[in-house]
C-alpha atoms as a PDB file:
ATOM      1  CA  UNK A   1     145.394 146.778-127.018  1.00  0.00           C
ATOM      2  CA  UNK A   2     146.664 150.263-127.755  1.00  0.00           C
ATOM      3  CA  UNK A   3     146.909 152.637-124.794  1.00  0.00           C
ATOM      4  CA  UNK A   4     144.864 155.838-124.687  1.00  0.00           C
ATOM      5  CA  UNK A   5     147.356 158.551-125.533  1.00  0.00           C
ATOM      6  CA  UNK A   6     146.816 161.743-123.589  1.00  0.00           C
ATOM      7  CA  UNK A   7     146.514 164.946-125.584  1.00  0.00           C
ATOM      8  CA  UNK A   8     149.314 167.410-124.971  1.00  0.00           C
ATOM      9  CA  UNK A   9     148.766 170.931-126.266  1.00  0.00           C
ATOM     10  CA  UNK A  10     151.717 172.967-127.496  1.00  0.00           C
ATOM     11  CA  UNK A  11     151.677 176.741-127.858  1.00  0.00           C
ATOM     12  CA  UNK A  12     151.924 176.900-131.636  1.00  0.00           C
ATOM     13  CA  UNK A  13     149.980 173.727-132.459  1.00  0.00           C
ATOM     14  CA  UNK A  14     148.103 173.756-135.793  1.00  0.00           C
ATOM     15  CA  UNK A  15     144.549 172.476-136.160  1.00  0.00           C
ATOM     16  CA  UNK A  16     145.775 169.381-137.981  1.00  0.00           C
ATOM     17  CA  UNK A  17     148.299 168.667-135.234  1.00  0.00           C
ATOM     18  CA  UNK A  18     145.528 168.941-132.651  1.00  0.00           C
ATOM     19  CA  UNK A  19     143.278 166.610-134.652  1.00  0.00           C
ATOM     20  CA  UNK A  20     146.139 164.116-134.976  1.00  0.00           C
ATOM     21  CA  UNK A  21     146.534 164.177-131.183  1.00  0.00           C
ATOM     22  CA  UNK A  22     142.795 163.615-130.809  1.00  0.00           C
ATOM     23  CA  UNK A  23     143.045 160.688-133.196  1.00  0.00           C
ATOM     24  CA  UNK A  24     145.937 159.315-131.175  1.00  0.00           C
ATOM     25  CA  UNK A  25     143.812 159.389-128.009  1.00  0.00           C
ATOM     26  CA  UNK A  26     141.703 156.881-129.917  1.00  0.00           C
ATOM     27  CA  UNK A  27     138.496 157.022-127.887  1.00  0.00           C
ATOM     28  CA  UNK A  28     135.250 158.927-127.349  1.00  0.00           C
ATOM     29  CA  UNK A  29     134.465 162.147-129.211  1.00  0.00           C
ATOM     30  CA  UNK A  30     138.094 163.188-129.692  1.00  0.00           C
ATOM     31  CA  UNK A  31     139.048 159.821-131.131  1.00  0.00           C
ATOM     32  CA  UNK A  32     136.021 159.748-133.396  1.00  0.00           C
ATOM     33  CA  UNK A  33     136.685 163.252-134.715  1.00  0.00           C
ATOM     34  CA  UNK A  34     140.239 162.229-135.516  1.00  0.00           C
ATOM     35  CA  UNK A  35     138.976 159.122-137.283  1.00  0.00           C
ATOM     36  CA  UNK A  36     136.407 161.185-139.208  1.00  0.00           C
ATOM     37  CA  UNK A  37     139.169 163.402-140.630  1.00  0.00           C
ATOM     38  CA  UNK A  38     141.253 160.334-141.527  1.00  0.00           C
ATOM     39  CA  UNK A  39     138.346 158.782-143.411  1.00  0.00           C
ATOM     40  CA  UNK A  40     137.532 162.034-145.230  1.00  0.00           C
ATOM     41  CA  UNK A  41     141.177 162.377-146.236  1.00  0.00           C
ATOM     42  CA  UNK A  42     141.216 158.797-147.529  1.00  0.00           C
ATOM     43  CA  UNK A  43     138.081 159.163-149.651  1.00  0.00           C
ATOM     44  CA  UNK A  44     139.168 162.516-151.096  1.00  0.00           C
ATOM     45  CA  UNK A  45     142.590 161.135-152.061  1.00  0.00           C
ATOM     46  CA  UNK A  46     141.148 157.875-153.439  1.00  0.00           C
ATOM     47  CA  UNK A  47     140.917 158.635-157.167  1.00  0.00           C
ATOM     48  CA  UNK A  48     138.411 155.813-157.686  1.00  0.00           C
ATOM     49  CA  UNK A  49     136.037 157.167-155.037  1.00  0.00           C
ATOM     50  CA  UNK A  50     133.105 159.448-155.682  1.00  0.00           C
ATOM     51  CA  UNK A  51     132.223 161.498-152.615  1.00  0.00           C
ATOM     52  CA  UNK A  52     128.581 162.194-151.746  1.00  0.00           C
ATOM     53  CA  UNK A  53     128.011 165.058-149.284  1.00  0.00           C
ATOM     54  CA  UNK A  54     124.711 165.382-147.419  1.00  0.00           C
ATOM     55  CA  UNK A  55     123.958 168.734-145.770  1.00  0.00           C
ATOM     56  CA  UNK A  56     121.045 169.329-143.400  1.00  0.00           C
ATOM     57  CA  UNK A  57     120.345 171.667-140.520  1.00  0.00           C
ATOM     58  CA  UNK A  58     121.058 175.399-140.080  1.00  0.00           C
ATOM     59  CA  UNK A  59     124.545 175.378-141.569  1.00  0.00           C
ATOM     60  CA  UNK A  60     124.289 178.763-143.301  1.00  0.00           C
ATOM     61  CA  UNK A  61     122.664 180.529-140.316  1.00  0.00           C
ATOM     62  CA  UNK A  62     125.384 178.839-138.253  1.00  0.00           C
ATOM     63  CA  UNK A  63     128.250 180.399-140.222  1.00  0.00           C
ATOM     64  CA  UNK A  64     129.340 177.373-142.304  1.00  0.00           C
ATOM     65  CA  UNK A  65     128.579 178.812-145.747  1.00  0.00           C
ATOM     66  CA  UNK A  66     132.124 179.756-146.801  1.00  0.00           C
ATOM     67  CA  UNK A  67     133.465 176.379-145.698  1.00  0.00           C
ATOM     68  CA  UNK A  68     130.894 174.581-147.854  1.00  0.00           C
ATOM     69  CA  UNK A  69     131.743 176.797-150.833  1.00  0.00           C
ATOM     70  CA  UNK A  70     135.451 176.141-150.291  1.00  0.00           C
ATOM     71  CA  UNK A  71     134.853 172.361-150.229  1.00  0.00           C
ATOM     72  CA  UNK A  72     133.011 172.649-153.558  1.00  0.00           C
ATOM     73  CA  UNK A  73     135.652 174.890-155.147  1.00  0.00           C
ATOM     74  CA  UNK A  74     138.373 172.417-154.164  1.00  0.00           C
ATOM     75  CA  UNK A  75     136.273 169.681-155.842  1.00  0.00           C
ATOM     76  CA  UNK A  76     136.616 167.444-152.809  1.00  0.00           C
ATOM     77  CA  UNK A  77     133.068 166.199-153.419  1.00  0.00           C
ATOM     78  CA  UNK A  78     131.319 164.905-156.516  1.00  0.00           C
ATOM     79  CA  UNK A  79     127.686 165.086-155.381  1.00  0.00           C
ATOM     80  CA  UNK A  80     125.845 167.325-152.934  1.00  0.00           C
ATOM     81  CA  UNK A  81     122.380 166.640-151.564  1.00  0.00           C
ATOM     82  CA  UNK A  82     120.920 169.301-149.325  1.00  0.00           C
ATOM     83  CA  UNK A  83     117.732 170.856-148.005  1.00  0.00           C
ATOM     84  CA  UNK A  84     115.697 173.640-149.517  1.00  0.00           C
ATOM     85  CA  UNK A  85     116.237 175.619-146.330  1.00  0.00           C
ATOM     86  CA  UNK A  86     120.023 175.521-146.758  1.00  0.00           C
ATOM     87  CA  UNK A  87     119.711 176.789-150.329  1.00  0.00           C
ATOM     88  CA  UNK A  88     117.192 179.449-149.274  1.00  0.00           C
ATOM     89  CA  UNK A  89     119.570 180.819-146.650  1.00  0.00           C
ATOM     90  CA  UNK A  90     122.440 180.605-149.146  1.00  0.00           C
ATOM     91  CA  UNK A  91     120.530 182.452-151.874  1.00  0.00           C
ATOM     92  CA  UNK A  92     119.488 185.101-149.376  1.00  0.00           C
ATOM     93  CA  UNK A  93     123.132 185.847-148.552  1.00  0.00           C
ATOM     94  CA  UNK A  94     123.989 185.881-152.267  1.00  0.00           C
ATOM     95  CA  UNK A  95     121.295 188.516-152.765  1.00  0.00           C
ATOM     96  CA  UNK A  96     122.897 190.729-150.131  1.00  0.00           C
ATOM     97  CA  UNK A  97     121.036 189.764-146.963  1.00  0.00           C
ATOM     98  CA  UNK A  98     122.750 188.574-143.786  1.00  0.00           C
ATOM     99  CA  UNK A  99     122.151 186.428-140.733  1.00  0.00           C
ATOM    100  CA  UNK A 100     122.635 188.054-137.355  1.00  0.00           C
ATOM    101  CA  UNK A 101     123.805 186.992-133.911  1.00  0.00           C
ATOM    102  CA  UNK A 102     120.906 186.895-131.478  1.00  0.00           C
ATOM    103  CA  UNK A 103     119.646 185.140-128.385  1.00  0.00           C
ATOM    104  CA  UNK A 104     117.702 181.926-127.880  1.00  0.00           C
ATOM    105  CA  UNK A 105     115.962 183.653-124.955  1.00  0.00           C
ATOM    106  CA  UNK A 106     114.563 186.442-127.131  1.00  0.00           C
ATOM    107  CA  UNK A 107     110.889 187.436-127.150  1.00  0.00           C
ATOM    108  CA  UNK A 108     109.732 185.743-130.349  1.00  0.00           C
ATOM    109  CA  UNK A 109     106.558 187.792-130.582  1.00  0.00           C
ATOM    110  CA  UNK A 110     108.686 190.944-130.470  1.00  0.00           C
ATOM    111  CA  UNK A 111     111.040 189.528-133.120  1.00  0.00           C
ATOM    112  CA  UNK A 112     108.049 188.839-135.336  1.00  0.00           C
ATOM    113  CA  UNK A 113     106.901 192.446-134.988  1.00  0.00           C
ATOM    114  CA  UNK A 114     110.362 193.661-135.978  1.00  0.00           C
ATOM    115  CA  UNK A 115     110.506 191.349-138.997  1.00  0.00           C
ATOM    116  CA  UNK A 116     113.104 188.819-137.872  1.00  0.00           C
ATOM    117  CA  UNK A 117     112.932 185.025-138.057  1.00  0.00           C
ATOM    118  CA  UNK A 118     114.860 183.087-135.397  1.00  0.00           C
ATOM    119  CA  UNK A 119     116.931 179.940-135.932  1.00  0.00           C
ATOM    120  CA  UNK A 120     117.752 179.260-132.287  1.00  0.00           C
ATOM    121  CA  UNK A 121     120.184 182.158-131.710  1.00  0.00           C
ATOM    122  CA  UNK A 122     120.702 183.197-135.329  1.00  0.00           C
ATOM    123  CA  UNK A 123     118.311 185.773-136.804  1.00  0.00           C
ATOM    124  CA  UNK A 124     117.263 186.279-140.419  1.00  0.00           C
ATOM    125  CA  UNK A 125     115.685 189.458-141.780  1.00  0.00           C
ATOM    126  CA  UNK A 126     112.246 188.488-143.100  1.00  0.00           C
ATOM    127  CA  UNK A 127     112.753 190.874-146.035  1.00  0.00           C
ATOM    128  CA  UNK A 128     114.867 188.128-147.578  1.00  0.00           C
ATOM    129  CA  UNK A 129     111.627 186.694-148.960  1.00  0.00           C
ATOM    130  CA  UNK A 130     110.805 189.947-150.737  1.00  0.00           C
ATOM    131  CA  UNK A 131     114.205 190.021-152.399  1.00  0.00           C
ATOM    132  CA  UNK A 132     113.991 186.348-153.290  1.00  0.00           C
ATOM    133  CA  UNK A 133     110.528 186.753-154.771  1.00  0.00           C
ATOM    134  CA  UNK A 134     111.756 189.596-157.001  1.00  0.00           C
ATOM    135  CA  UNK A 135     114.781 187.553-158.064  1.00  0.00           C
ATOM    136  CA  UNK A 136     112.782 184.410-158.892  1.00  0.00           C
ATOM    137  CA  UNK A 137     110.135 186.414-160.745  1.00  0.00           C
ATOM    138  CA  UNK A 138     112.742 188.270-162.825  1.00  0.00           C
ATOM    139  CA  UNK A 139     114.474 185.032-163.817  1.00  0.00           C
ATOM    140  CA  UNK A 140     111.542 182.625-163.921  1.00  0.00           C
ATOM    141  CA  UNK A 141     111.397 182.358-167.697  1.00  0.00           C
ATOM    142  CA  UNK A 142     114.898 180.867-167.702  1.00  0.00           C
ATOM    143  CA  UNK A 143     114.353 178.726-164.607  1.00  0.00           C
ATOM    144  CA  UNK A 144     111.043 177.268-165.754  1.00  0.00           C
ATOM    145  CA  UNK A 145     112.667 175.574-168.760  1.00  0.00           C
ATOM    146  CA  UNK A 146     114.781 173.233-166.625  1.00  0.00           C
ATOM    147  CA  UNK A 147     113.371 169.711-166.466  1.00  0.00           C
ATOM    148  CA  UNK A 148     115.207 168.417-163.387  1.00  0.00           C
ATOM    149  CA  UNK A 149     115.679 169.986-159.980  1.00  0.00           C
ATOM    150  CA  UNK A 150     119.456 169.660-160.394  1.00  0.00           C
ATOM    151  CA  UNK A 151     119.388 171.635-163.644  1.00  0.00           C
ATOM    152  CA  UNK A 152     117.020 174.158-162.045  1.00  0.00           C
ATOM    153  CA  UNK A 153     119.534 174.631-159.212  1.00  0.00           C
ATOM    154  CA  UNK A 154     122.481 174.944-161.600  1.00  0.00           C
ATOM    155  CA  UNK A 155     120.587 177.630-163.482  1.00  0.00           C
ATOM    156  CA  UNK A 156     119.776 179.360-160.205  1.00  0.00           C
ATOM    157  CA  UNK A 157     123.487 179.246-159.379  1.00  0.00           C
ATOM    158  CA  UNK A 158     124.415 180.642-162.802  1.00  0.00           C
ATOM    159  CA  UNK A 159     122.028 183.544-162.292  1.00  0.00           C
ATOM    160  CA  UNK A 160     123.032 184.253-158.695  1.00  0.00           C
ATOM    161  CA  UNK A 161     124.749 187.672-158.585  1.00  0.00           C
ATOM    162  CA  UNK A 162     127.316 186.882-155.871  1.00  0.00           C
ATOM    163  CA  UNK A 163     129.285 183.934-154.530  1.00  0.00           C
ATOM    164  CA  UNK A 164     127.053 181.122-153.324  1.00  0.00           C
ATOM    165  CA  UNK A 165     126.879 177.374-152.774  1.00  0.00           C
ATOM    166  CA  UNK A 166     124.806 177.006-155.926  1.00  0.00           C
ATOM    167  CA  UNK A 167     127.090 179.216-158.017  1.00  0.00           C
ATOM    168  CA  UNK A 168     130.088 177.152-156.901  1.00  0.00           C
ATOM    169  CA  UNK A 169     128.253 173.938-157.862  1.00  0.00           C
ATOM    170  CA  UNK A 170     127.369 175.363-161.284  1.00  0.00           C
ATOM    171  CA  UNK A 171     130.869 176.646-162.001  1.00  0.00           C
ATOM    172  CA  UNK A 172     132.567 173.389-160.920  1.00  0.00           C
ATOM    173  CA  UNK A 173     129.803 171.216-162.442  1.00  0.00           C
ATOM    174  CA  UNK A 174     129.212 169.496-159.092  1.00  0.00           C
ATOM    175  CA  UNK A 175     125.859 167.700-159.181  1.00  0.00           C
ATOM    176  CA  UNK A 176     123.562 169.232-156.557  1.00  0.00           C
ATOM    177  CA  UNK A 177     120.251 167.681-155.593  1.00  0.00           C
ATOM    178  CA  UNK A 178     117.460 168.971-153.383  1.00  0.00           C
ATOM    179  CA  UNK A 179     114.644 166.403-153.384  1.00  0.00           C
ATOM    180  CA  UNK A 180     112.518 168.480-150.978  1.00  0.00           C
ATOM    181  CA  UNK A 181     113.004 171.843-152.684  1.00  0.00           C
ATOM    182  CA  UNK A 182     109.278 172.607-152.391  1.00  0.00           C
ATOM    183  CA  UNK A 183     109.761 172.519-148.601  1.00  0.00           C
ATOM    184  CA  UNK A 184     111.578 175.863-148.520  1.00  0.00           C
ATOM    185  CA  UNK A 185     111.466 179.578-149.201  1.00  0.00           C
ATOM    186  CA  UNK A 186     112.648 178.954-152.761  1.00  0.00           C
ATOM    187  CA  UNK A 187     109.810 176.475-153.176  1.00  0.00           C
ATOM    188  CA  UNK A 188     107.326 179.065-151.958  1.00  0.00           C
ATOM    189  CA  UNK A 189     108.641 181.615-154.454  1.00  0.00           C
ATOM    190  CA  UNK A 190     108.312 179.129-157.330  1.00  0.00           C
ATOM    191  CA  UNK A 191     104.814 178.189-156.190  1.00  0.00           C
ATOM    192  CA  UNK A 192     103.967 181.902-156.185  1.00  0.00           C
ATOM    193  CA  UNK A 193     104.809 182.084-159.879  1.00  0.00           C
ATOM    194  CA  UNK A 194     102.750 178.975-160.622  1.00  0.00           C
ATOM    195  CA  UNK A 195      99.826 180.397-158.660  1.00  0.00           C
ATOM    196  CA  UNK A 196      99.847 183.384-161.035  1.00  0.00           C
ATOM    197  CA  UNK A 197      99.284 181.088-163.983  1.00  0.00           C
ATOM    198  CA  UNK A 198     102.878 180.573-165.098  1.00  0.00           C
ATOM    199  CA  UNK A 199     104.122 177.037-165.735  1.00  0.00           C
ATOM    200  CA  UNK A 200     107.366 175.142-165.217  1.00  0.00           C
ATOM    201  CA  UNK A 201     108.832 172.019-166.818  1.00  0.00           C
ATOM    202  CA  UNK A 202     110.706 170.916-163.698  1.00  0.00           C
ATOM    203  CA  UNK A 203     109.884 167.339-162.692  1.00  0.00           C
ATOM    204  CA  UNK A 204     110.463 166.170-159.137  1.00  0.00           C
ATOM    205  CA  UNK A 205     111.525 162.598-159.990  1.00  0.00           C
ATOM    206  CA  UNK A 206     114.012 163.260-162.824  1.00  0.00           C
ATOM    207  CA  UNK A 207     116.967 163.607-160.442  1.00  0.00           C
ATOM    208  CA  UNK A 208     116.594 160.061-159.191  1.00  0.00           C
ATOM    209  CA  UNK A 209     117.892 158.702-162.477  1.00  0.00           C
ATOM    210  CA  UNK A 210     120.974 160.911-162.358  1.00  0.00           C
ATOM    211  CA  UNK A 211     122.000 160.215-158.769  1.00  0.00           C
ATOM    212  CA  UNK A 212     121.343 156.494-159.320  1.00  0.00           C
ATOM    213  CA  UNK A 213     123.553 156.592-162.416  1.00  0.00           C
ATOM    214  CA  UNK A 214     126.344 158.271-160.442  1.00  0.00           C
ATOM    215  CA  UNK A 215     126.094 155.689-157.664  1.00  0.00           C
ATOM    216  CA  UNK A 216     125.756 152.777-160.107  1.00  0.00           C
ATOM    217  CA  UNK A 217     128.843 153.714-162.127  1.00  0.00           C
ATOM    218  CA  UNK A 218     131.077 154.531-159.146  1.00  0.00           C
ATOM    219  CA  UNK A 219     134.026 152.193-158.638  1.00  0.00           C
ATOM    220  CA  UNK A 220     133.947 153.264-154.995  1.00  0.00           C
ATOM    221  CA  UNK A 221     131.694 155.588-153.031  1.00  0.00           C
ATOM    222  CA  UNK A 222     132.174 157.630-149.887  1.00  0.00           C
ATOM    223  CA  UNK A 223     129.414 159.380-147.945  1.00  0.00           C
ATOM    224  CA  UNK A 224     129.715 162.338-145.577  1.00  0.00           C
ATOM    225  CA  UNK A 225     126.681 163.560-143.658  1.00  0.00           C
ATOM    226  CA  UNK A 226     126.345 166.743-141.645  1.00  0.00           C
ATOM    227  CA  UNK A 227     122.884 166.216-140.200  1.00  0.00           C
ATOM    228  CA  UNK A 228     120.474 163.627-141.538  1.00  0.00           C
ATOM    229  CA  UNK A 229     116.948 163.915-142.863  1.00  0.00           C
ATOM    230  CA  UNK A 230     116.116 163.867-146.563  1.00  0.00           C
ATOM    231  CA  UNK A 231     119.704 164.490-147.821  1.00  0.00           C
ATOM    232  CA  UNK A 232     121.056 161.478-145.946  1.00  0.00           C
ATOM    233  CA  UNK A 233     118.277 159.152-147.048  1.00  0.00           C
ATOM    234  CA  UNK A 234     118.450 160.328-150.674  1.00  0.00           C
ATOM    235  CA  UNK A 235     122.120 159.380-150.813  1.00  0.00           C
ATOM    236  CA  UNK A 236     121.654 156.186-148.813  1.00  0.00           C
ATOM    237  CA  UNK A 237     118.917 154.894-151.118  1.00  0.00           C
ATOM    238  CA  UNK A 238     121.172 155.464-154.126  1.00  0.00           C
ATOM    239  CA  UNK A 239     123.796 153.331-152.357  1.00  0.00           C
ATOM    240  CA  UNK A 240     121.165 150.677-151.651  1.00  0.00           C
ATOM    241  CA  UNK A 241     120.375 150.165-155.341  1.00  0.00           C
ATOM    242  CA  UNK A 242     123.972 150.442-156.606  1.00  0.00           C
ATOM    243  CA  UNK A 243     126.015 147.272-157.211  1.00  0.00           C
ATOM    244  CA  UNK A 244     128.638 148.480-154.698  1.00  0.00           C
ATOM    245  CA  UNK A 245     127.743 149.887-151.295  1.00  0.00           C
ATOM    246  CA  UNK A 246     129.667 152.790-149.763  1.00  0.00           C
ATOM    247  CA  UNK A 247     133.279 152.003-148.830  1.00  0.00           C
ATOM    248  CA  UNK A 248     133.776 155.116-146.697  1.00  0.00           C
ATOM    249  CA  UNK A 249     131.387 156.939-144.398  1.00  0.00           C
ATOM    250  CA  UNK A 250     131.382 159.833-141.933  1.00  0.00           C
ATOM    251  CA  UNK A 251     128.253 160.968-140.117  1.00  0.00           C
ATOM    252  CA  UNK A 252     128.127 164.052-137.901  1.00  0.00           C
ATOM    253  CA  UNK A 253     124.852 164.260-136.033  1.00  0.00           C
ATOM    254  CA  UNK A 254     123.290 165.170-132.697  1.00  0.00           C
ATOM    255  CA  UNK A 255     120.359 162.788-133.143  1.00  0.00           C
ATOM    256  CA  UNK A 256     119.906 159.535-131.250  1.00  0.00           C
ATOM    257  CA  UNK A 257     119.462 156.099-132.859  1.00  0.00           C
ATOM    258  CA  UNK A 258     116.899 154.691-130.396  1.00  0.00           C
ATOM    259  CA  UNK A 259     113.773 156.334-131.906  1.00  0.00           C
ATOM    260  CA  UNK A 260     114.549 154.615-135.221  1.00  0.00           C
ATOM    261  CA  UNK A 261     114.792 157.723-137.388  1.00  0.00           C
ATOM    262  CA  UNK A 262     117.300 157.951-140.228  1.00  0.00           C
ATOM    263  CA  UNK A 263     118.946 161.102-138.847  1.00  0.00           C
ATOM    264  CA  UNK A 264     120.207 159.292-135.762  1.00  0.00           C
ATOM    265  CA  UNK A 265     120.750 155.859-137.289  1.00  0.00           C
ATOM    266  CA  UNK A 266     124.322 154.654-137.014  1.00  0.00           C
ATOM    267  CA  UNK A 267     126.045 154.108-140.333  1.00  0.00           C
ATOM    268  CA  UNK A 268     126.514 150.410-139.564  1.00  0.00           C
ATOM    269  CA  UNK A 269     122.720 150.044-139.628  1.00  0.00           C
ATOM    270  CA  UNK A 270     123.011 150.700-143.361  1.00  0.00           C
ATOM    271  CA  UNK A 271     124.870 147.385-143.763  1.00  0.00           C
ATOM    272  CA  UNK A 272     121.575 145.557-143.303  1.00  0.00           C
ATOM    273  CA  UNK A 273     120.101 147.548-146.215  1.00  0.00           C
ATOM    274  CA  UNK A 274     123.070 147.055-148.518  1.00  0.00           C
ATOM    275  CA  UNK A 275     123.943 150.753-148.272  1.00  0.00           C
ATOM    276  CA  UNK A 276     127.246 150.437-146.413  1.00  0.00           C
ATOM    277  CA  UNK A 277     129.993 147.926-147.130  1.00  0.00           C
ATOM    278  CA  UNK A 278     130.505 145.544-144.169  1.00  0.00           C
ATOM    279  CA  UNK A 279     134.261 145.907-144.725  1.00  0.00           C
ATOM    280  CA  UNK A 280     134.057 149.672-145.170  1.00  0.00           C
ATOM    281  CA  UNK A 281     135.714 152.369-143.101  1.00  0.00           C
ATOM    282  CA  UNK A 282     133.152 154.577-141.354  1.00  0.00           C
ATOM    283  CA  UNK A 283     132.474 156.456-138.143  1.00  0.00           C
ATOM    284  CA  UNK A 284     129.591 158.182-136.376  1.00  0.00           C
ATOM    285  CA  UNK A 285     130.553 161.435-134.674  1.00  0.00           C
ATOM    286  CA  UNK A 286     128.060 162.799-132.157  1.00  0.00           C
ATOM    287  CA  UNK A 287     128.782 166.501-132.429  1.00  0.00           C
ATOM    288  CA  UNK A 288     127.253 169.840-133.428  1.00  0.00           C
ATOM    289  CA  UNK A 289     128.070 170.273-137.122  1.00  0.00           C
ATOM    290  CA  UNK A 290     129.138 173.886-136.537  1.00  0.00           C
ATOM    291  CA  UNK A 291     131.869 172.571-134.217  1.00  0.00           C
ATOM    292  CA  UNK A 292     132.969 169.578-136.263  1.00  0.00           C
ATOM    293  CA  UNK A 293     132.914 171.082-139.763  1.00  0.00           C
ATOM    294  CA  UNK A 294     135.445 173.917-139.196  1.00  0.00           C
ATOM    295  CA  UNK A 295     137.855 171.644-137.317  1.00  0.00           C
ATOM    296  CA  UNK A 296     137.613 168.869-139.879  1.00  0.00           C
ATOM    297  CA  UNK A 297     137.976 171.244-142.827  1.00  0.00           C
ATOM    298  CA  UNK A 298     140.918 173.104-141.292  1.00  0.00           C
ATOM    299  CA  UNK A 299     142.766 169.817-140.698  1.00  0.00           C
ATOM    300  CA  UNK A 300     142.016 168.593-144.217  1.00  0.00           C
ATOM    301  CA  UNK A 301     143.305 171.869-145.725  1.00  0.00           C
ATOM    302  CA  UNK A 302     146.642 171.174-144.057  1.00  0.00           C
ATOM    303  CA  UNK A 303     146.723 167.565-145.267  1.00  0.00           C
ATOM    304  CA  UNK A 304     145.472 167.927-148.844  1.00  0.00           C
ATOM    305  CA  UNK A 305     147.522 170.318-150.924  1.00  0.00           C
END
């Protein structure tokens, strides 16, 4: 047995040096965070591995937007699956709106009167929907021609006036999927155009073929999940039907496994479904994504030149 190595902090220690010390401790949250960075480094450096990134939860309201864009621009991932809410918040920032620091103890009725929506202690100006509606309406003729949600999102990224997650995906040709796009502000804006008698060619099931093809043709696959929900399951089911299950896996979640939901399910549960390789290298990190993501990314930036 290896001893638990105690973490010693030096004055000028870098983030990567701290993470390496956490890894050396080998146990509990610190050890798991260190292992998570090691696994991410391995899958990014493995030239045969395609990396699937699942993003759920309030990552943009939580300040993670630039990190996600940086990950895409570095082409550390090959596939992104995310929620409509994440893309709605992202598009809002690209259109010039911001999220604001607030309080979880605020008077929500008063916030509603003032036109702010609360995501725990992050606030969003409700006028974002007005700007988004104008943007979607002005560009709907181009958007409506896209037959898959992925192509719709790439076109949305192409049209986006400022830096965004979707623009980065379009420019780097990173496949981005959002199977529950209708469950979002963007979905509402598209529905608004359809309700006025306009039509769209976008089909909800077309993306399944593409993500299945990516999974099927991968020599190796690695999965990274920040949060669970639809993005996690969408990736996991593509692993289930592929001839090779995922060789690497990192899951960062605050959810519990006991209720049986996918968001809290340990990655090793996926072995029974054929989604995770029994001999694979994976770890579950119980941590707030807005804590884990910056630390993990900062360490990886030091390791991967």
